[in-house]
Amino acid sequence: MFSKEVLVSNQVGLHARPATFFIQKANEFKSGIWVEKDERRVNAKSLLGVLSLGITRGVTITIIAEGPDEEQAVNALVELISSNFAE
């Protein structure tokens, strides 16, 4: 298992368009991937799951992965969030 914390700093947080990009990126990996916020953990490959967390600007989330490409998956998703989804 591999995990990292990341601060969401883009304008709208992880909603609508950014959430779609996040899920598309997560689905590129074989590992099981989860997003955790305030003790709640959801599947990072599920749009409804990610949206249900209500991740807004300024929130720190944890990305957790377990599987053959866990480290690459977490790093790619952290990089995507850190880049503010190229906004």
Protein backbone atom coordinates (compact mmCIF):
# COMPACT_ATOMS: atom_id res chain seq x y z
CA MET A 1 0.00 0.00 0.00
CA PHE A 2 1.21 3.50 -0.90
CA SER A 3 -0.40 6.82 0.04
CA LYS A 4 0.20 10.56 -0.07
CA GLU A 5 -1.60 13.65 1.13
CA VAL A 6 -2.28 16.50 -1.27
CA LEU A 7 -3.86 19.96 -0.90
CA VAL A 8 -6.63 20.70 -3.40
CA SER A 9 -6.01 24.28 -4.53
CA ASN A 10 -7.83 24.64 -7.85
CA GLN A 11 -10.77 27.06 -8.02
CA VAL A 12 -13.71 24.62 -7.78
CA GLY A 13 -12.14 21.74 -5.87
CA LEU A 14 -12.83 18.19 -7.03
CA HIS A 15 -16.20 18.79 -8.71
CA ALA A 16 -17.60 18.21 -12.20
CA ARG A 17 -14.83 18.64 -14.79
CA PRO A 18 -11.80 18.22 -12.47
CA ALA A 19 -13.39 15.13 -10.90
CA THR A 20 -13.90 13.63 -14.36
CA PHE A 21 -10.22 14.16 -15.21
CA PHE A 22 -9.24 12.66 -11.85
CA ILE A 23 -11.33 9.52 -12.43
CA GLN A 24 -10.07 9.10 -16.00
CA LYS A 25 -6.49 9.24 -14.70
CA ALA A 26 -7.28 6.77 -11.88
CA ASN A 27 -8.75 4.32 -14.38
CA GLU A 28 -5.43 4.18 -16.26
CA PHE A 29 -4.00 2.08 -13.41
CA LYS A 30 -4.54 -1.52 -12.37
CA SER A 31 -4.24 -0.86 -8.63
CA GLY A 32 -7.19 -0.29 -6.35
CA ILE A 33 -7.22 3.45 -5.59
CA TRP A 34 -9.10 5.33 -2.87
CA VAL A 35 -9.55 8.94 -1.86
CA GLU A 36 -9.86 9.69 1.84
CA LYS A 37 -11.23 12.87 3.44
CA ASP A 38 -12.27 13.27 7.09
CA GLU A 39 -12.24 9.53 7.88
CA ARG A 40 -14.36 8.73 4.76
CA ARG A 41 -12.81 6.61 2.03
CA VAL A 42 -14.25 6.18 -1.48
CA ASN A 43 -13.20 4.46 -4.68
CA ALA A 44 -11.15 6.93 -6.76
CA LYS A 45 -12.50 5.33 -9.93
CA SER A 46 -16.11 6.20 -9.05
CA LEU A 47 -17.42 9.63 -10.05
CA LEU A 48 -20.29 9.51 -7.56
CA GLY A 49 -17.94 8.36 -4.81
CA VAL A 50 -15.48 11.20 -5.40
CA LEU A 51 -18.23 13.81 -5.73
CA SER A 52 -19.89 12.55 -2.52
CA LEU A 53 -16.83 13.65 -0.52
CA GLY A 54 -17.55 17.30 -1.34
CA ILE A 55 -13.88 18.17 -1.84
CA THR A 56 -13.50 21.95 -2.05
CA ARG A 57 -10.58 24.32 -2.48
CA GLY A 58 -8.21 24.29 0.48
CA VAL A 59 -9.02 20.73 1.59
CA THR A 60 -6.27 18.16 2.11
CA ILE A 61 -7.10 14.65 0.91
CA THR A 62 -5.21 11.37 1.03
CA ILE A 63 -4.81 9.24 -2.07
CA ILE A 64 -4.23 5.56 -1.33
CA ALA A 65 -3.42 2.79 -3.78
CA GLU A 66 -2.74 -0.91 -3.48
CA GLY A 67 -1.58 -3.07 -6.36
CA PRO A 68 1.12 -3.56 -8.99
CA ASP A 69 1.38 0.12 -9.99
CA GLU A 70 0.35 1.73 -6.68
CA GLU A 71 3.24 4.18 -6.44
CA GLN A 72 2.87 5.41 -10.04
CA ALA A 73 -0.91 5.76 -9.56
CA VAL A 74 -0.66 7.87 -6.40
CA ASN A 75 2.12 10.05 -7.84
CA ALA A 76 0.21 10.66 -11.09
CA LEU A 77 -2.96 11.67 -9.23
CA VAL A 78 -1.06 13.92 -6.79
CA GLU A 79 0.64 15.56 -9.77
CA LEU A 80 -2.73 16.09 -11.51
CA ILE A 81 -4.19 17.78 -8.42
CA SER A 82 -1.02 19.82 -7.80
CA SER A 83 -1.15 21.12 -11.37
CA ASN A 84 -4.65 22.53 -10.64
CA PHE A 85 -5.95 20.37 -13.51
CA ALA A 86 -4.17 22.71 -15.95
CA GLU A 87 -6.64 25.53 -15.18
